[in-house]
Protein backbone atom coordinates (compact mmCIF):
# COMPACT_ATOMS: atom_id res chain seq x y z
CA MET A 1 -30.04 -1.11 -13.30
CA ILE A 2 -27.85 -1.77 -10.26
CA SER A 3 -28.41 0.49 -7.29
CA VAL A 4 -25.43 2.07 -5.62
CA ALA A 5 -26.54 0.63 -2.28
CA GLY A 6 -26.34 -2.92 -3.68
CA TRP A 7 -23.05 -2.28 -5.43
CA THR A 8 -21.07 -0.97 -2.47
CA THR A 9 -20.57 -2.76 0.80
CA PRO A 10 -19.01 -1.19 3.89
CA THR A 11 -15.81 -3.20 3.28
CA ARG A 12 -15.60 -2.16 -0.35
CA SER A 13 -16.26 1.47 0.59
CA VAL A 14 -13.37 1.35 3.07
CA GLY A 15 -11.10 -0.09 0.37
CA MET A 16 -12.08 2.50 -2.21
CA ALA A 17 -11.65 5.37 0.26
CA THR A 18 -8.26 4.23 1.48
CA TYR A 19 -6.80 3.60 -1.98
CA LEU A 20 -8.23 6.89 -3.23
CA PHE A 21 -6.54 8.67 -0.28
CA ALA A 22 -3.19 7.05 -1.09
CA ALA A 23 -3.50 7.80 -4.81
CA THR A 24 -4.41 11.42 -4.09
CA SER A 25 -1.50 11.81 -1.67
CA CYS A 26 0.90 10.40 -4.26
CA GLY A 27 -0.59 12.72 -6.88
CA ILE A 28 -0.04 15.72 -4.61
CA ALA A 29 3.54 14.61 -4.02
CA TRP A 30 4.06 14.24 -7.78
CA VAL A 31 2.74 17.75 -8.47
CA ARG A 32 4.67 19.38 -5.62
CA SER A 33 7.96 17.51 -6.00
CA GLY A 34 9.42 20.34 -8.00
CA PRO A 35 12.50 19.77 -10.11
CA VAL A 36 13.62 16.56 -8.39
CA PRO A 37 13.14 13.88 -11.09
CA ARG A 38 13.65 10.85 -8.82
CA ARG A 39 11.11 12.09 -6.30
CA ARG A 40 8.60 12.92 -9.09
CA ARG A 41 9.01 9.53 -10.81
CA LEU A 42 8.56 7.63 -7.56
CA ALA A 43 5.46 9.64 -6.62
CA LEU A 44 3.99 9.04 -10.08
CA PHE A 45 4.79 5.31 -9.93
CA LEU A 46 3.19 4.96 -6.49
CA ALA A 47 0.17 7.00 -7.63
CA ALA A 48 -0.29 4.65 -10.61
CA LEU A 49 -0.13 1.58 -8.36
CA GLU A 50 -2.64 3.10 -5.93
CA VAL A 51 -4.99 4.05 -8.79
CA GLY A 52 -4.71 0.46 -9.98
CA LEU A 53 -5.64 -0.82 -6.52
CA PHE A 54 -8.53 1.65 -6.37
CA LEU A 55 -9.83 0.47 -9.76
CA ASP A 56 -9.40 -3.13 -8.65
CA MET A 57 -11.57 -2.34 -5.65
CA VAL A 58 -14.19 -0.66 -7.85
CA PHE A 59 -14.38 -3.48 -10.41
CA ASN A 60 -13.46 -6.40 -8.11
CA GLY A 61 -10.58 -7.33 -10.40
CA ARG A 62 -8.81 -9.58 -7.91
CA TRP A 63 -11.92 -11.73 -7.57
CA LEU A 64 -12.44 -11.86 -11.33
CA LEU A 65 -8.86 -13.14 -11.65
CA HIS A 66 -9.42 -15.59 -8.79
CA ASP A 67 -12.57 -16.94 -10.44
CA LEU A 68 -10.76 -17.30 -13.77
CA LEU A 69 -7.94 -19.28 -12.13
CA GLU A 70 -10.44 -21.40 -10.22
CA LYS A 71 -12.38 -22.26 -13.40
CA GLU A 72 -9.14 -23.18 -15.15
CA ALA A 73 -8.12 -25.44 -12.25
CA ILE A 74 -11.54 -27.13 -12.32
CA ALA A 75 -11.34 -27.60 -16.10
CA ARG A 76 -7.93 -29.30 -15.74
CA ASN A 77 -9.06 -31.43 -12.75
CA LEU A 78 -6.52 -29.69 -10.49
CA TYR A 79 -8.92 -27.94 -8.14
CA VAL A 80 -8.83 -30.61 -5.41
CA GLN A 81 -5.02 -30.45 -5.44
CA ARG A 82 -4.89 -26.67 -4.96
CA VAL A 83 -3.80 -26.48 -1.30
CA GLY A 84 -0.16 -27.43 -1.91
CA PRO A 85 0.38 -24.89 -4.71
CA GLN A 86 -1.51 -22.25 -2.72
CA LEU A 87 0.76 -22.80 0.31
CA ALA A 88 3.84 -22.65 -1.92
CA ALA A 89 2.58 -19.45 -3.57
CA LEU A 90 1.88 -17.83 -0.19
CA GLY A 91 5.32 -18.88 1.06
CA LEU A 92 7.00 -17.37 -2.00
CA LEU A 93 4.86 -14.25 -1.65
CA GLY A 94 5.87 -13.82 2.00
CA ALA A 95 9.55 -14.38 1.24
CA ALA A 96 9.46 -11.97 -1.72
CA ALA A 97 7.66 -9.31 0.32
CA ALA A 98 10.13 -9.64 3.21
CA ALA A 99 13.15 -9.53 0.88
CA THR A 100 11.77 -6.52 -0.98
CA ILE A 101 11.04 -4.65 2.25
CA GLY A 102 14.60 -5.39 3.44
CA LEU A 103 16.01 -4.13 0.15
CA VAL A 104 13.86 -0.99 0.30
CA LEU A 105 14.92 -0.20 3.86
CA ARG A 106 18.58 -0.65 2.98
CA THR A 107 18.41 1.25 -0.33
CA LEU A 108 16.34 4.15 0.97
CA ARG A 109 18.16 4.54 4.27
CA GLY A 110 17.91 8.14 5.40
CA ARG A 111 14.60 8.72 3.58
CA ALA A 112 12.12 7.47 6.14
CA GLY A 113 9.02 8.85 4.43
CA VAL A 114 9.72 7.13 1.12
CA SER A 115 10.63 3.91 2.91
CA VAL A 116 7.28 3.93 4.71
CA ALA A 117 5.43 4.74 1.47
CA VAL A 118 7.07 1.95 -0.53
CA CYS A 119 6.61 -0.57 2.28
CA GLY A 120 2.92 0.41 2.35
CA VAL A 121 2.61 -0.40 -1.35
CA ILE A 122 4.38 -3.72 -0.79
CA LEU A 123 1.90 -4.52 2.00
CA SER A 124 -1.05 -3.61 -0.24
CA LEU A 125 0.21 -5.62 -3.21
CA SER A 126 1.01 -8.61 -0.99
CA CYS A 127 -2.52 -8.52 0.41
CA TRP A 128 -3.90 -8.32 -3.14
CA CYS A 129 -1.88 -11.38 -4.16
CA ALA A 130 -2.93 -13.29 -1.03
CA GLU A 131 -6.57 -12.57 -1.89
CA VAL A 132 -6.08 -13.89 -5.44
CA ILE A 133 -4.33 -17.03 -4.12
CA SER A 134 -7.30 -17.44 -1.75
CA LEU A 135 -6.18 -20.20 0.61
CA HIS A 136 -9.24 -21.13 2.65
CA ALA A 137 -7.56 -20.55 6.04
CA VAL A 138 -6.36 -17.08 4.98
CA ASP A 139 -9.78 -16.22 3.54
CA THR A 140 -11.41 -17.23 6.82
CA VAL A 141 -9.32 -14.64 8.67
CA PHE A 142 -9.53 -11.97 5.96
CA HIS A 143 -13.30 -12.27 5.65
CA SER A 144 -14.13 -12.31 9.35
CA THR A 145 -16.26 -9.29 10.09
CA VAL A 146 -16.39 -6.73 12.86
CA ASN A 147 -19.44 -4.48 12.70
CA GLY A 148 -20.05 -5.54 9.09
CA ILE A 149 -16.51 -4.73 7.88
CA MET A 150 -14.09 -7.50 6.92
CA LEU A 151 -10.74 -7.68 8.71
CA VAL A 152 -8.88 -7.55 5.38
CA SER A 153 -9.85 -3.89 5.19
CA LEU A 154 -7.49 -3.21 8.12
CA ILE A 155 -4.59 -4.30 5.89
CA TRP A 156 -5.89 -2.04 3.10
CA VAL A 157 -6.10 0.88 5.54
CA ALA A 158 -2.63 0.22 6.97
CA GLY A 159 -0.98 -0.06 3.55
CA SER A 160 -2.76 3.01 2.17
CA LEU A 161 -1.99 5.14 5.21
CA MET A 162 1.65 4.10 5.07
CA THR A 163 1.83 5.01 1.38
CA GLY A 164 -0.14 8.25 1.54
CA LEU A 165 1.35 9.66 4.72
CA GLY A 166 4.84 8.37 3.89
CA ILE A 167 4.98 10.10 0.51
CA LEU A 168 3.67 13.34 2.03
CA TRP A 169 6.25 13.05 4.81
CA ASP A 170 8.99 12.70 2.19
CA LEU A 171 7.61 15.73 0.35
CA ARG A 172 7.88 17.77 3.55
CA ALA A 173 11.38 16.54 4.47
CA PRO A 174 13.42 19.09 2.43
CA TYR A 175 11.38 21.97 3.86
CA ALA A 176 11.80 20.69 7.41
CA ALA A 177 15.57 20.37 6.88
CA MET A 178 15.81 23.93 5.50
CA SER A 179 13.71 25.28 8.38
CA SER A 180 15.86 23.45 10.92
CA ALA A 181 19.06 24.78 9.32
CA ALA A 182 17.64 28.31 9.28
CA ASN A 183 16.73 28.08 12.96
CA ARG A 184 20.23 26.86 13.85
CA ALA A 185 21.76 29.74 11.87
CA HIS A 186 19.72 32.34 13.77
CA THR A 187 20.03 30.84 17.25
CA PRO A 188 22.73 32.65 19.24
CA SER A 189 25.25 30.34 20.80
CA SER A 190 25.16 30.24 24.56
CA SER A 191 28.23 31.13 26.47
CA LEU A 192 29.17 30.48 30.06
CA THR A 193 30.64 33.97 30.30
CA ASP A 194 27.24 35.58 29.62
CA SER A 195 25.80 34.38 32.92
């Protein structure tokens, strides 16, 4: 039997907590989105991605995939030649992430909360891919620790906070707009003749 203390590390606990927060926030947005199908679908999609990242953190899926790819490279005598393909994969990953973020910001212009949420998911998924690619220099930075917690967890926290808070911000946006319009309707206009 595996004890819970041996199963969880501080870094893994941070990852599970942050992805659970983002998934919960997206779930709340999905439930409270009301009759707006686009908003509901997006919240559900983001919730599913965040649940996937949470489960990956629980079961260490990215490292299982990494180990599988490593064993395959060793079996084919390609392991010593891995640096070039890893650099190319990281370059493509960075370019794809940047292009996708640019597309998101252009497409979702005027919806800041959703833009932040989607960019947070892109950050999280890019980090996941970088961990699977596992270039030694990147791993050295990611796995450096501060007070027993790996630096990669800062990326997990940033991405999850962006997603969770962004989707909740978008959920609140219609109510804030209605409240602002109501306040403008009830505010008497000032006149110079009244003074």
